[in-house]
Every structure is written in C-alpha cells, then in structure tokens.
Protein backbone atom coordinates (compact mmCIF):
# COMPACT_ATOMS: atom_id res chain seq x y z
CA MET A 1 237.11 -30.17 56.58
CA TYR A 2 239.60 -32.14 58.68
CA VAL A 3 237.60 -31.45 61.82
CA ILE A 4 234.49 -32.85 60.17
CA LYS A 5 236.42 -35.99 59.17
CA LYS A 6 237.63 -36.43 62.75
CA TYR A 7 234.11 -36.20 64.15
CA LEU A 8 232.71 -38.50 61.48
CA GLY A 9 235.50 -40.97 62.25
CA ILE A 10 234.38 -41.11 65.87
CA ILE A 11 230.76 -41.50 64.80
CA TRP A 12 231.63 -44.35 62.40
CA MET A 13 233.63 -46.20 65.04
CA LEU A 14 230.79 -45.88 67.54
CA LEU A 15 228.24 -46.86 64.91
CA ALA A 16 230.15 -50.08 64.19
CA VAL A 17 230.21 -51.09 67.85
CA VAL A 18 226.57 -50.14 68.46
CA THR A 19 225.43 -52.08 65.38
CA ILE A 20 227.04 -55.33 66.51
CA VAL A 21 225.83 -54.91 70.09
CA LEU A 22 222.27 -54.28 68.93
CA LEU A 23 222.34 -57.28 66.56
CA VAL A 24 223.55 -59.60 69.31
CA TYR A 25 221.01 -58.16 71.76
CA ALA A 26 218.17 -58.60 69.26
CA ALA A 27 219.27 -62.15 68.59
CA LEU A 28 219.40 -63.03 72.28
CA THR A 29 215.97 -61.54 72.97
CA ASN A 30 214.21 -63.01 69.92
CA ILE A 31 215.54 -66.58 69.86
CA SER A 32 213.12 -68.88 71.64
CA SER A 33 211.78 -72.36 71.26
CA GLU A 34 208.13 -71.30 71.66
CA GLY A 35 208.07 -69.09 68.57
CA LYS A 36 206.72 -70.33 65.26
CA THR A 37 208.16 -67.69 62.91
CA ASP A 38 211.65 -67.36 61.45
CA ILE A 39 212.67 -64.59 63.84
CA HIS A 40 212.67 -67.10 66.70
CA ASN A 41 214.96 -69.49 64.84
CA PRO A 42 218.70 -69.10 65.65
CA LEU A 43 219.97 -69.90 62.14
CA PRO A 44 218.94 -66.59 60.46
CA TRP A 45 220.46 -64.66 63.36
CA ILE A 46 223.76 -66.52 63.04
CA ILE A 47 223.83 -65.76 59.31
CA ILE A 48 222.97 -62.08 59.81
CA ILE A 49 225.56 -61.56 62.55
CA THR A 50 228.21 -63.44 60.54
CA ILE A 51 227.62 -61.22 57.51
CA TYR A 52 227.41 -57.88 59.31
CA THR A 53 230.36 -58.35 61.69
CA PRO A 54 233.06 -57.90 59.00
CA ILE A 55 231.11 -54.99 57.54
CA ALA A 56 231.02 -53.29 60.95
CA PHE A 57 234.70 -54.08 61.47
CA GLY A 58 235.52 -52.41 58.15
CA LEU A 59 233.42 -49.40 59.16
CA ALA A 60 235.39 -49.15 62.40
CA ILE A 61 238.70 -49.29 60.51
CA PHE A 62 237.48 -46.60 58.12
CA GLY A 63 236.45 -44.46 61.09
CA TYR A 64 239.84 -44.97 62.71
CA TYR A 65 241.65 -43.82 59.58
CA ALA A 66 239.34 -40.83 59.26
CA PHE A 67 239.97 -39.95 62.91
CA LYS A 68 243.74 -40.19 62.48
CA GLU A 69 243.48 -38.06 59.29
CA GLU A 70 245.15 -40.77 57.22
CA TYR A 71 242.19 -40.97 54.87
CA THR A 72 242.13 -38.08 52.42
C-alpha cells in the first residue's frame, strides 16, 4: 500500500505542474484581439488561472506528503 501511495504522490505532483503549464499555454495561444468570443478575451483566462493555481499547489503538496509517506 505504501508503494502505491509513493507512486500516486509522484503522479499528483506531476499532474499539478502539467495542469498549470497547460492552462498557461492554452491562455497564451487563445488570447487574441481578432477573436469575437469569450475564449479570446484575457479576463476569463486570468480568473481561471488565478483559481486553479492554488488548487494545483495544494495537489502538489498532497503528492509530496504522499511521496514522503507522511500522509496515512
């Protein structure tokens, strides 16, 4: 069971980093002045990234504790 927690800890830490990188990448590729829909507006992207960054940070901390076997 502890081995599974270690592997899941690594997966959760990687998932947190990948999530933020993908959100920033999607924001940079979709924001444009020529677009007419909301996806091209920077304000929703700022809100989304601001909300999901602490969530991803918490997921990374949880993964770290699971990897160090401090979470039982």
